[in-house]
Amino acid sequence: MELIINGDIYDDIPAGINVADLLAHLQLPSAKIAVERNLEIVPRSSYASQILSNGDKLEIIHFIGGG
């Protein structure tokens, strides 16, 4: 399956994957991350239930603390 993540094409994503599994596949921590799918924010509570589709456009944003 092919996804566009932060403007880059990823064509090695397993079909039927959900947002939580995608983050694990990309080796990203689920804490302090926001995910936007096709211009809509994905609530953290639905990461496991949001099944991704071929061609979805995702933005994954890492929050960084500091002062």
PDB file of N, CA and C in Angstrom:
ATOM      1  N   MET A   1       0.852  -1.169   0.000  1.00  0.00           N
ATOM      2  CA  MET A   1       0.000   0.000   0.000  1.00  0.00           C
ATOM      3  C   MET A   1       0.900   1.235   0.000  1.00  0.00           C
ATOM      4  N   GLU A   2       0.428   2.285  -0.640  1.00  0.00           N
ATOM      5  CA  GLU A   2       1.200   3.521  -0.736  1.00  0.00           C
ATOM      6  C   GLU A   2       0.534   4.629   0.068  1.00  0.00           C
ATOM      7  N   LEU A   3       1.321   5.289   0.906  1.00  0.00           N
ATOM      8  CA  LEU A   3       0.866   6.442   1.676  1.00  0.00           C
ATOM      9  C   LEU A   3       1.813   7.602   1.422  1.00  0.00           C
ATOM     10  N   ILE A   4       1.300   8.802   1.532  1.00  0.00           N
ATOM     11  CA  ILE A   4       2.137   9.991   1.478  1.00  0.00           C
ATOM     12  C   ILE A   4       2.216  10.525   2.896  1.00  0.00           C
ATOM     13  N   ILE A   5       3.425  10.499   3.450  1.00  0.00           N
ATOM     14  CA  ILE A   5       3.631  10.895   4.841  1.00  0.00           C
ATOM     15  C   ILE A   5       4.590  12.071   4.866  1.00  0.00           C
ATOM     16  N   ASN A   6       4.109  13.194   5.365  1.00  0.00           N
ATOM     17  CA  ASN A   6       4.905  14.429   5.415  1.00  0.00           C
ATOM     18  C   ASN A   6       5.518  14.751   4.054  1.00  0.00           C
ATOM     19  N   GLY A   7       4.749  14.513   2.989  1.00  0.00           N
ATOM     20  CA  GLY A   7       5.181  14.843   1.639  1.00  0.00           C
ATOM     21  C   GLY A   7       6.024  13.788   0.950  1.00  0.00           C
ATOM     22  N   ASP A   8       6.398  12.729   1.649  1.00  0.00           N
ATOM     23  CA  ASP A   8       7.200  11.651   1.068  1.00  0.00           C
ATOM     24  C   ASP A   8       6.323  10.434   0.792  1.00  0.00           C
ATOM     25  N   ILE A   9       6.613   9.738  -0.305  1.00  0.00           N
ATOM     26  CA  ILE A   9       5.852   8.535  -0.660  1.00  0.00           C
ATOM     27  C   ILE A   9       6.468   7.320   0.017  1.00  0.00           C
ATOM     28  N   TYR A  10       5.629   6.570   0.703  1.00  0.00           N
ATOM     29  CA  TYR A  10       6.016   5.302   1.329  1.00  0.00           C
ATOM     30  C   TYR A  10       5.200   4.214   0.648  1.00  0.00           C
ATOM     31  N   ASP A  11       5.867   3.332  -0.077  1.00  0.00           N
ATOM     32  CA  ASP A  11       5.133   2.293  -0.811  1.00  0.00           C
ATOM     33  C   ASP A  11       5.321   0.905  -0.224  1.00  0.00           C
ATOM     34  N   ASP A  12       5.854   0.846   0.992  1.00  0.00           N
ATOM     35  CA  ASP A  12       6.097  -0.445   1.640  1.00  0.00           C
ATOM     36  C   ASP A  12       5.209  -0.653   2.867  1.00  0.00           C
ATOM     37  N   ILE A  13       4.086   0.028   2.914  1.00  0.00           N
ATOM     38  CA  ILE A  13       3.194  -0.038   4.074  1.00  0.00           C
ATOM     39  C   ILE A  13       2.239  -1.222   3.904  1.00  0.00           C
ATOM     40  N   PRO A  14       2.131  -2.078   4.912  1.00  0.00           N
ATOM     41  CA  PRO A  14       1.209  -3.214   4.817  1.00  0.00           C
ATOM     42  C   PRO A  14      -0.247  -2.764   4.659  1.00  0.00           C
ATOM     43  N   ALA A  15      -0.987  -3.443   3.822  1.00  0.00           N
ATOM     44  CA  ALA A  15      -2.413  -3.126   3.616  1.00  0.00           C
ATOM     45  C   ALA A  15      -3.187  -3.386   4.903  1.00  0.00           C
ATOM     46  N   GLY A  16      -4.214  -2.577   5.142  1.00  0.00           N
ATOM     47  CA  GLY A  16      -5.076  -2.772   6.296  1.00  0.00           C
ATOM     48  C   GLY A  16      -4.496  -2.273   7.603  1.00  0.00           C
ATOM     49  N   ILE A  17      -3.416  -1.505   7.552  1.00  0.00           N
ATOM     50  CA  ILE A  17      -2.756  -1.031   8.768  1.00  0.00           C
ATOM     51  C   ILE A  17      -3.549   0.140   9.368  1.00  0.00           C
ATOM     52  N   ASN A  18      -3.520   0.233  10.689  1.00  0.00           N
ATOM     53  CA  ASN A  18      -4.172   1.364  11.346  1.00  0.00           C
ATOM     54  C   ASN A  18      -3.103   2.380  11.761  1.00  0.00           C
ATOM     55  N   VAL A  19      -3.525   3.518  12.274  1.00  0.00           N
ATOM     56  CA  VAL A  19      -2.589   4.585  12.621  1.00  0.00           C
ATOM     57  C   VAL A  19      -1.611   4.131  13.709  1.00  0.00           C
ATOM     58  N   ALA A  20      -2.094   3.444  14.728  1.00  0.00           N
ATOM     59  CA  ALA A  20      -1.214   2.979  15.810  1.00  0.00           C
ATOM     60  C   ALA A  20      -0.142   2.038  15.268  1.00  0.00           C
ATOM     61  N   ASP A  21      -0.539   1.110  14.401  1.00  0.00           N
ATOM     62  CA  ASP A  21       0.434   0.175  13.828  1.00  0.00           C
ATOM     63  C   ASP A  21       1.391   0.877  12.875  1.00  0.00           C
ATOM     64  N   LEU A  22       0.911   1.910  12.175  1.00  0.00           N
ATOM     65  CA  LEU A  22       1.792   2.675  11.295  1.00  0.00           C
ATOM     66  C   LEU A  22       2.892   3.356  12.098  1.00  0.00           C
ATOM     67  N   LEU A  23       2.528   3.954  13.224  1.00  0.00           N
ATOM     68  CA  LEU A  23       3.536   4.598  14.068  1.00  0.00           C
ATOM     69  C   LEU A  23       4.573   3.587  14.538  1.00  0.00           C
ATOM     70  N   ALA A  24       4.133   2.394  14.900  1.00  0.00           N
ATOM     71  CA  ALA A  24       5.066   1.332  15.301  1.00  0.00           C
ATOM     72  C   ALA A  24       5.922   0.906  14.113  1.00  0.00           C
ATOM     73  N   HIS A  25       5.316   0.768  12.937  1.00  0.00           N
ATOM     74  CA  HIS A  25       6.041   0.380  11.721  1.00  0.00           C
ATOM     75  C   HIS A  25       7.137   1.393  11.392  1.00  0.00           C
ATOM     76  N   LEU A  26       6.839   2.670  11.615  1.00  0.00           N
ATOM     77  CA  LEU A  26       7.806   3.736  11.342  1.00  0.00           C
ATOM     78  C   LEU A  26       8.747   3.975  12.525  1.00  0.00           C
ATOM     79  N   GLN A  27       8.567   3.197  13.579  1.00  0.00           N
ATOM     80  CA  GLN A  27       9.361   3.295  14.807  1.00  0.00           C
ATOM     81  C   GLN A  27       9.272   4.681  15.440  1.00  0.00           C
ATOM     82  N   LEU A  28       8.036   5.193  15.490  1.00  0.00           N
ATOM     83  CA  LEU A  28       7.783   6.476  16.126  1.00  0.00           C
ATOM     84  C   LEU A  28       7.022   6.251  17.422  1.00  0.00           C
ATOM     85  N   PRO A  29       7.376   6.979  18.463  1.00  0.00           N
ATOM     86  CA  PRO A  29       6.621   6.850  19.719  1.00  0.00           C
ATOM     87  C   PRO A  29       5.249   7.481  19.547  1.00  0.00           C
ATOM     88  N   SER A  30       4.227   6.895  20.146  1.00  0.00           N
ATOM     89  CA  SER A  30       2.877   7.446  19.997  1.00  0.00           C
ATOM     90  C   SER A  30       2.647   8.649  20.909  1.00  0.00           C
ATOM     91  N   ALA A  31       3.490   8.819  21.926  1.00  0.00           N
ATOM     92  CA  ALA A  31       3.364   9.970  22.821  1.00  0.00           C
ATOM     93  C   ALA A  31       3.937  11.214  22.137  1.00  0.00           C
ATOM     94  N   LYS A  32       3.342  12.334  22.400  1.00  0.00           N
ATOM     95  CA  LYS A  32       3.791  13.624  21.873  1.00  0.00           C
ATOM     96  C   LYS A  32       3.821  13.670  20.350  1.00  0.00           C
ATOM     97  N   ILE A  33       2.837  13.011  19.730  1.00  0.00           N
ATOM     98  CA  ILE A  33       2.710  13.016  18.272  1.00  0.00           C
ATOM     99  C   ILE A  33       1.271  13.364  17.918  1.00  0.00           C
ATOM    100  N   ALA A  34       1.120  14.165  16.881  1.00  0.00           N
ATOM    101  CA  ALA A  34      -0.207  14.442  16.329  1.00  0.00           C
ATOM    102  C   ALA A  34      -0.223  13.914  14.902  1.00  0.00           C
ATOM    103  N   VAL A  35      -1.351  13.340  14.513  1.00  0.00           N
ATOM    104  CA  VAL A  35      -1.483  12.766  13.174  1.00  0.00           C
ATOM    105  C   VAL A  35      -2.668  13.422  12.476  1.00  0.00           C
ATOM    106  N   GLU A  36      -2.420  13.868  11.256  1.00  0.00           N
ATOM    107  CA  GLU A  36      -3.468  14.412  10.410  1.00  0.00           C
ATOM    108  C   GLU A  36      -3.605  13.481   9.210  1.00  0.00           C
ATOM    109  N   ARG A  37      -4.829  13.082   8.918  1.00  0.00           N
ATOM    110  CA  ARG A  37      -5.109  12.188   7.787  1.00  0.00           C
ATOM    111  C   ARG A  37      -6.047  12.892   6.825  1.00  0.00           C
ATOM    112  N   ASN A  38      -5.583  13.094   5.614  1.00  0.00           N
ATOM    113  CA  ASN A  38      -6.393  13.760   4.590  1.00  0.00           C
ATOM    114  C   ASN A  38      -7.025  15.047   5.123  1.00  0.00           C
ATOM    115  N   LEU A  39      -6.184  15.866   5.759  1.00  0.00           N
ATOM    116  CA  LEU A  39      -6.542  17.199   6.280  1.00  0.00           C
ATOM    117  C   LEU A  39      -7.447  17.177   7.499  1.00  0.00           C
ATOM    118  N   GLU A  40      -7.595  16.027   8.156  1.00  0.00           N
ATOM    119  CA  GLU A  40      -8.383  15.942   9.391  1.00  0.00           C
ATOM    120  C   GLU A  40      -7.522  15.341  10.498  1.00  0.00           C
ATOM    121  N   ILE A  41      -7.572  15.976  11.672  1.00  0.00           N
ATOM    122  CA  ILE A  41      -6.820  15.479  12.825  1.00  0.00           C
ATOM    123  C   ILE A  41      -7.401  14.148  13.262  1.00  0.00           C
ATOM    124  N   VAL A  42      -6.522  13.183  13.519  1.00  0.00           N
ATOM    125  CA  VAL A  42      -6.950  11.874  14.022  1.00  0.00           C
ATOM    126  C   VAL A  42      -6.835  11.911  15.544  1.00  0.00           C
ATOM    127  N   PRO A  43      -7.950  11.772  16.272  1.00  0.00           N
ATOM    128  CA  PRO A  43      -7.864  11.739  17.736  1.00  0.00           C
ATOM    129  C   PRO A  43      -7.019  10.547  18.204  1.00  0.00           C
ATOM    130  N   ARG A  44      -6.195  10.795  19.191  1.00  0.00           N
ATOM    131  CA  ARG A  44      -5.326   9.734  19.719  1.00  0.00           C
ATOM    132  C   ARG A  44      -6.140   8.505  20.138  1.00  0.00           C
ATOM    133  N   SER A  45      -7.347   8.736  20.631  1.00  0.00           N
ATOM    134  CA  SER A  45      -8.195   7.628  21.090  1.00  0.00           C
ATOM    135  C   SER A  45      -8.650   6.729  19.936  1.00  0.00           C
ATOM    136  N   SER A  46      -8.520   7.190  18.702  1.00  0.00           N
ATOM    137  CA  SER A  46      -8.956   6.362  17.569  1.00  0.00           C
ATOM    138  C   SER A  46      -7.797   5.879  16.707  1.00  0.00           C
ATOM    139  N   TYR A  47      -6.559   5.999  17.178  1.00  0.00           N
ATOM    140  CA  TYR A  47      -5.401   5.520  16.402  1.00  0.00           C
ATOM    141  C   TYR A  47      -5.559   4.043  16.042  1.00  0.00           C
ATOM    142  N   ALA A  48      -6.045   3.234  16.970  1.00  0.00           N
ATOM    143  CA  ALA A  48      -6.166   1.793  16.723  1.00  0.00           C
ATOM    144  C   ALA A  48      -7.333   1.453  15.807  1.00  0.00           C
ATOM    145  N   SER A  49      -8.318   2.337  15.714  1.00  0.00           N
ATOM    146  CA  SER A  49      -9.490   2.023  14.893  1.00  0.00           C
ATOM    147  C   SER A  49      -9.469   2.700  13.518  1.00  0.00           C
ATOM    148  N   GLN A  50      -8.546   3.607  13.296  1.00  0.00           N
ATOM    149  CA  GLN A  50      -8.453   4.306  12.012  1.00  0.00           C
ATOM    150  C   GLN A  50      -7.638   3.471  11.026  1.00  0.00           C
ATOM    151  N   ILE A  51      -8.331   2.742  10.155  1.00  0.00           N
ATOM    152  CA  ILE A  51      -7.665   1.923   9.137  1.00  0.00           C
ATOM    153  C   ILE A  51      -7.308   2.828   7.960  1.00  0.00           C
ATOM    154  N   LEU A  52      -6.059   2.792   7.563  1.00  0.00           N
ATOM    155  CA  LEU A  52      -5.583   3.643   6.481  1.00  0.00           C
ATOM    156  C   LEU A  52      -5.879   3.019   5.127  1.00  0.00           C
ATOM    157  N   SER A  53      -6.034   3.881   4.132  1.00  0.00           N
ATOM    158  CA  SER A  53      -6.350   3.448   2.770  1.00  0.00           C
ATOM    159  C   SER A  53      -5.224   3.845   1.833  1.00  0.00           C
ATOM    160  N   ASN A  54      -5.071   3.086   0.768  1.00  0.00           N
ATOM    161  CA  ASN A  54      -4.066   3.389  -0.236  1.00  0.00           C
ATOM    162  C   ASN A  54      -4.242   4.835  -0.716  1.00  0.00           C
ATOM    163  N   GLY A  55      -3.152   5.590  -0.748  1.00  0.00           N
ATOM    164  CA  GLY A  55      -3.184   6.968  -1.224  1.00  0.00           C
ATOM    165  C   GLY A  55      -3.479   8.007  -0.165  1.00  0.00           C
ATOM    166  N   ASP A  56      -3.733   7.584   1.084  1.00  0.00           N
ATOM    167  CA  ASP A  56      -3.972   8.557   2.147  1.00  0.00           C
ATOM    168  C   ASP A  56      -2.766   9.477   2.284  1.00  0.00           C
ATOM    169  N   LYS A  57      -3.065  10.733   2.621  1.00  0.00           N
ATOM    170  CA  LYS A  57      -2.022  11.724   2.872  1.00  0.00           C
ATOM    171  C   LYS A  57      -1.995  12.011   4.364  1.00  0.00           C
ATOM    172  N   LEU A  58      -0.844  11.775   4.973  1.00  0.00           N
ATOM    173  CA  LEU A  58      -0.699  11.944   6.414  1.00  0.00           C
ATOM    174  C   LEU A  58       0.361  12.985   6.727  1.00  0.00           C
ATOM    175  N   GLU A  59       0.119  13.722   7.774  1.00  0.00           N
ATOM    176  CA  GLU A  59       1.128  14.588   8.364  1.00  0.00           C
ATOM    177  C   GLU A  59       1.308  14.094   9.789  1.00  0.00           C
ATOM    178  N   ILE A  60       2.543  13.799  10.150  1.00  0.00           N
ATOM    179  CA  ILE A  60       2.855  13.333  11.498  1.00  0.00           C
ATOM    180  C   ILE A  60       3.772  14.379  12.111  1.00  0.00           C
ATOM    181  N   ILE A  61       3.308  14.954  13.213  1.00  0.00           N
ATOM    182  CA  ILE A  61       4.027  16.054  13.839  1.00  0.00           C
ATOM    183  C   ILE A  61       4.506  15.626  15.221  1.00  0.00           C
ATOM    184  N   HIS A  62       5.774  15.870  15.492  1.00  0.00           N
ATOM    185  CA  HIS A  62       6.381  15.573  16.794  1.00  0.00           C
ATOM    186  C   HIS A  62       6.367  16.832  17.626  1.00  0.00           C
ATOM    187  N   PHE A  63       5.888  16.742  18.858  1.00  0.00           N
ATOM    188  CA  PHE A  63       5.941  17.875  19.773  1.00  0.00           C
ATOM    189  C   PHE A  63       7.244  17.819  20.535  1.00  0.00           C
ATOM    190  N   ILE A  64       7.906  18.957  20.602  1.00  0.00           N
ATOM    191  CA  ILE A  64       9.178  19.047  21.305  1.00  0.00           C
ATOM    192  C   ILE A  64       9.039  20.114  22.383  1.00  0.00           C
ATOM    193  N   GLY A  65       9.349  19.724  23.615  1.00  0.00           N
ATOM    194  CA  GLY A  65       9.277  20.674  24.716  1.00  0.00           C
ATOM    195  C   GLY A  65      10.567  21.464  24.839  1.00  0.00           C
ATOM    196  N   GLY A  66      10.493  22.523  25.523  1.00  0.00           N
ATOM    197  CA  GLY A  66      11.691  23.349  25.731  1.00  0.00           C
ATOM    198  C   GLY A  66      11.301  24.684  26.304  1.00  0.00           C
ATOM    199  N   GLY A  67      12.287  25.461  26.554  1.00  0.00           N
ATOM    200  CA  GLY A  67      11.964  26.758  27.118  1.00  0.00           C
ATOM    201  C   GLY A  67      13.025  27.765  26.875  1.00  0.00           C
TER     202      GLY A  67
END
